[in-house]
Amino acid sequence: MDYVVIVEKGETSYGAYVPDLPGCVAVGETREEAMQLIREAIEFHLEGLRQDGRPVPAPSSSIELVTVDA
């Protein structure tokens, strides 16, 4: 499954979250670290849902890039 991950650069770190999986977040010092940690967080999150007998949400978010004149 492919989930959309939003990555945001902060002052000293990068944050990542998954819109289709509320509460699934990660923070890393670099973008690469944040991406590795969010992969692990997604796997952990889905495993927890399965263990609790809850449905695993199908990916439904999508992205579009919008270009505007600056």
N, C-alpha and C. Protein backbone atom coordinates (compact mmCIF):
# COMPACT_ATOMS: atom_id res chain seq x y z
N MET A 1 0.85 -1.18 0.00
CA MET A 1 0.00 0.00 0.00
C MET A 1 0.89 1.24 0.00
N ASP A 2 0.46 2.24 -0.70
CA ASP A 2 1.19 3.50 -0.76
C ASP A 2 0.38 4.59 -0.07
N TYR A 3 0.89 5.08 1.05
CA TYR A 3 0.24 6.16 1.78
C TYR A 3 0.94 7.48 1.48
N VAL A 4 0.18 8.55 1.36
CA VAL A 4 0.75 9.89 1.23
C VAL A 4 1.38 10.28 2.56
N VAL A 5 2.60 10.78 2.50
CA VAL A 5 3.30 11.28 3.67
C VAL A 5 3.59 12.75 3.43
N ILE A 6 3.20 13.58 4.37
CA ILE A 6 3.48 15.01 4.33
C ILE A 6 4.74 15.25 5.16
N VAL A 7 5.71 15.92 4.57
CA VAL A 7 6.96 16.23 5.28
C VAL A 7 7.05 17.75 5.40
N GLU A 8 7.32 18.20 6.61
CA GLU A 8 7.44 19.64 6.86
C GLU A 8 8.80 19.91 7.51
N LYS A 9 9.46 20.94 7.02
CA LYS A 9 10.76 21.33 7.59
C LYS A 9 10.53 22.36 8.69
N GLY A 10 11.03 22.04 9.86
CA GLY A 10 10.97 22.98 10.97
C GLY A 10 12.30 23.71 11.11
N GLU A 11 12.45 24.44 12.19
CA GLU A 11 13.69 25.19 12.40
C GLU A 11 14.89 24.28 12.60
N THR A 12 14.68 23.16 13.30
CA THR A 12 15.80 22.28 13.62
C THR A 12 15.56 20.82 13.26
N SER A 13 14.42 20.51 12.65
CA SER A 13 14.12 19.11 12.35
C SER A 13 13.08 19.03 11.23
N TYR A 14 12.78 17.80 10.85
CA TYR A 14 11.73 17.54 9.86
C TYR A 14 10.65 16.71 10.54
N GLY A 15 9.41 17.05 10.25
CA GLY A 15 8.28 16.29 10.76
C GLY A 15 7.57 15.62 9.59
N ALA A 16 6.99 14.47 9.85
CA ALA A 16 6.26 13.75 8.82
C ALA A 16 4.97 13.20 9.43
N TYR A 17 3.90 13.21 8.64
CA TYR A 17 2.65 12.61 9.09
C TYR A 17 1.89 12.03 7.91
N VAL A 18 0.95 11.15 8.23
CA VAL A 18 0.18 10.43 7.22
C VAL A 18 -1.29 10.83 7.36
N PRO A 19 -1.84 11.59 6.42
CA PRO A 19 -3.23 12.04 6.54
C PRO A 19 -4.25 10.91 6.70
N ASP A 20 -3.99 9.76 6.09
CA ASP A 20 -4.93 8.64 6.16
C ASP A 20 -4.82 7.84 7.45
N LEU A 21 -3.80 8.13 8.26
CA LEU A 21 -3.58 7.40 9.52
C LEU A 21 -3.41 8.40 10.65
N PRO A 22 -4.50 8.96 11.15
CA PRO A 22 -4.41 9.97 12.20
C PRO A 22 -3.55 9.48 13.37
N GLY A 23 -2.66 10.34 13.80
CA GLY A 23 -1.77 10.02 14.92
C GLY A 23 -0.47 9.36 14.50
N CYS A 24 -0.33 9.05 13.23
CA CYS A 24 0.90 8.41 12.74
C CYS A 24 1.87 9.52 12.32
N VAL A 25 2.86 9.78 13.17
CA VAL A 25 3.78 10.90 12.96
C VAL A 25 5.22 10.46 13.26
N ALA A 26 6.17 11.22 12.77
CA ALA A 26 7.58 10.99 13.06
C ALA A 26 8.33 12.31 12.93
N VAL A 27 9.44 12.40 13.64
CA VAL A 27 10.30 13.58 13.57
C VAL A 27 11.74 13.10 13.47
N GLY A 28 12.52 13.72 12.59
CA GLY A 28 13.93 13.38 12.45
C GLY A 28 14.76 14.63 12.25
N GLU A 29 16.05 14.49 12.51
CA GLU A 29 16.95 15.63 12.32
C GLU A 29 17.13 15.96 10.84
N THR A 30 16.99 14.95 9.97
CA THR A 30 17.11 15.16 8.54
C THR A 30 15.83 14.64 7.87
N ARG A 31 15.63 15.03 6.62
CA ARG A 31 14.48 14.53 5.86
C ARG A 31 14.56 13.00 5.74
N GLU A 32 15.75 12.51 5.46
CA GLU A 32 15.94 11.07 5.30
C GLU A 32 15.58 10.32 6.58
N GLU A 33 16.02 10.85 7.72
CA GLU A 33 15.70 10.21 9.00
C GLU A 33 14.20 10.25 9.25
N ALA A 34 13.56 11.37 8.97
CA ALA A 34 12.11 11.48 9.16
C ALA A 34 11.38 10.47 8.29
N MET A 35 11.84 10.29 7.05
CA MET A 35 11.19 9.32 6.16
C MET A 35 11.39 7.89 6.64
N GLN A 36 12.56 7.56 7.12
CA GLN A 36 12.79 6.22 7.65
C GLN A 36 11.90 5.98 8.87
N LEU A 37 11.83 6.96 9.74
CA LEU A 37 11.02 6.81 10.95
C LEU A 37 9.53 6.74 10.64
N ILE A 38 9.05 7.47 9.62
CA ILE A 38 7.62 7.41 9.29
C ILE A 38 7.29 6.06 8.67
N ARG A 39 8.22 5.47 7.91
CA ARG A 39 7.98 4.11 7.39
C ARG A 39 7.76 3.14 8.55
N GLU A 40 8.64 3.23 9.54
CA GLU A 40 8.52 2.38 10.72
C GLU A 40 7.23 2.67 11.48
N ALA A 41 6.87 3.95 11.58
CA ALA A 41 5.64 4.33 12.28
C ALA A 41 4.41 3.79 11.57
N ILE A 42 4.42 3.83 10.24
CA ILE A 42 3.28 3.30 9.48
C ILE A 42 3.15 1.79 9.73
N GLU A 43 4.24 1.07 9.64
CA GLU A 43 4.20 -0.37 9.89
C GLU A 43 3.69 -0.67 11.29
N PHE A 44 4.18 0.05 12.28
CA PHE A 44 3.76 -0.14 13.67
C PHE A 44 2.28 0.20 13.83
N HIS A 45 1.84 1.28 13.22
CA HIS A 45 0.45 1.73 13.31
C HIS A 45 -0.49 0.67 12.72
N LEU A 46 -0.14 0.17 11.53
CA LEU A 46 -0.98 -0.84 10.88
C LEU A 46 -1.01 -2.13 11.68
N GLU A 47 0.14 -2.52 12.23
CA GLU A 47 0.20 -3.71 13.07
C GLU A 47 -0.71 -3.57 14.28
N GLY A 48 -0.69 -2.39 14.89
CA GLY A 48 -1.55 -2.13 16.05
C GLY A 48 -3.03 -2.20 15.69
N LEU A 49 -3.40 -1.65 14.55
CA LEU A 49 -4.79 -1.73 14.12
C LEU A 49 -5.21 -3.18 13.94
N ARG A 50 -4.37 -3.97 13.29
CA ARG A 50 -4.69 -5.39 13.06
C ARG A 50 -4.82 -6.14 14.38
N GLN A 51 -3.90 -5.89 15.31
CA GLN A 51 -3.94 -6.57 16.60
C GLN A 51 -5.20 -6.22 17.37
N ASP A 52 -5.67 -4.99 17.21
CA ASP A 52 -6.88 -4.56 17.90
C ASP A 52 -8.15 -4.97 17.17
N GLY A 53 -8.00 -5.64 16.02
CA GLY A 53 -9.16 -6.07 15.24
C GLY A 53 -9.86 -4.92 14.54
N ARG A 54 -9.14 -3.81 14.36
CA ARG A 54 -9.73 -2.65 13.69
C ARG A 54 -9.36 -2.68 12.21
N PRO A 55 -10.18 -2.09 11.37
CA PRO A 55 -9.88 -2.09 9.94
C PRO A 55 -8.67 -1.21 9.61
N VAL A 56 -7.92 -1.66 8.63
CA VAL A 56 -6.80 -0.87 8.13
C VAL A 56 -7.33 0.03 7.03
N PRO A 57 -7.24 1.35 7.20
CA PRO A 57 -7.77 2.25 6.18
C PRO A 57 -7.00 2.14 4.87
N ALA A 58 -7.74 2.05 3.80
CA ALA A 58 -7.10 2.08 2.49
C ALA A 58 -6.58 3.48 2.23
N PRO A 59 -5.46 3.59 1.56
CA PRO A 59 -4.96 4.92 1.21
C PRO A 59 -6.01 5.66 0.37
N SER A 60 -6.30 6.89 0.75
CA SER A 60 -7.29 7.66 -0.01
C SER A 60 -6.82 9.08 -0.32
N SER A 61 -5.77 9.52 0.35
CA SER A 61 -5.25 10.87 0.09
C SER A 61 -4.45 10.87 -1.20
N SER A 62 -4.43 12.00 -1.84
CA SER A 62 -3.61 12.17 -3.03
C SER A 62 -2.98 13.55 -2.98
N ILE A 63 -2.03 13.77 -3.85
CA ILE A 63 -1.38 15.08 -3.87
C ILE A 63 -1.45 15.68 -5.27
N GLU A 64 -1.44 16.96 -5.31
CA GLU A 64 -1.35 17.73 -6.55
C GLU A 64 -0.43 18.89 -6.26
N LEU A 65 0.49 19.15 -7.13
CA LEU A 65 1.34 20.32 -7.00
C LEU A 65 0.70 21.45 -7.81
N VAL A 66 0.63 22.61 -7.22
CA VAL A 66 0.02 23.77 -7.86
C VAL A 66 1.11 24.82 -8.05
N THR A 67 1.33 25.23 -9.27
CA THR A 67 2.33 26.25 -9.57
C THR A 67 1.64 27.60 -9.66
N VAL A 68 2.19 28.59 -8.95
CA VAL A 68 1.65 29.94 -9.00
C VAL A 68 2.80 30.90 -9.30
N ASP A 69 2.48 32.02 -9.89
CA ASP A 69 3.49 33.05 -10.13
C ASP A 69 3.81 33.73 -8.80
N ALA A 70 5.07 33.87 -8.50
CA ALA A 70 5.46 34.46 -7.23
C ALA A 70 5.53 35.96 -7.29
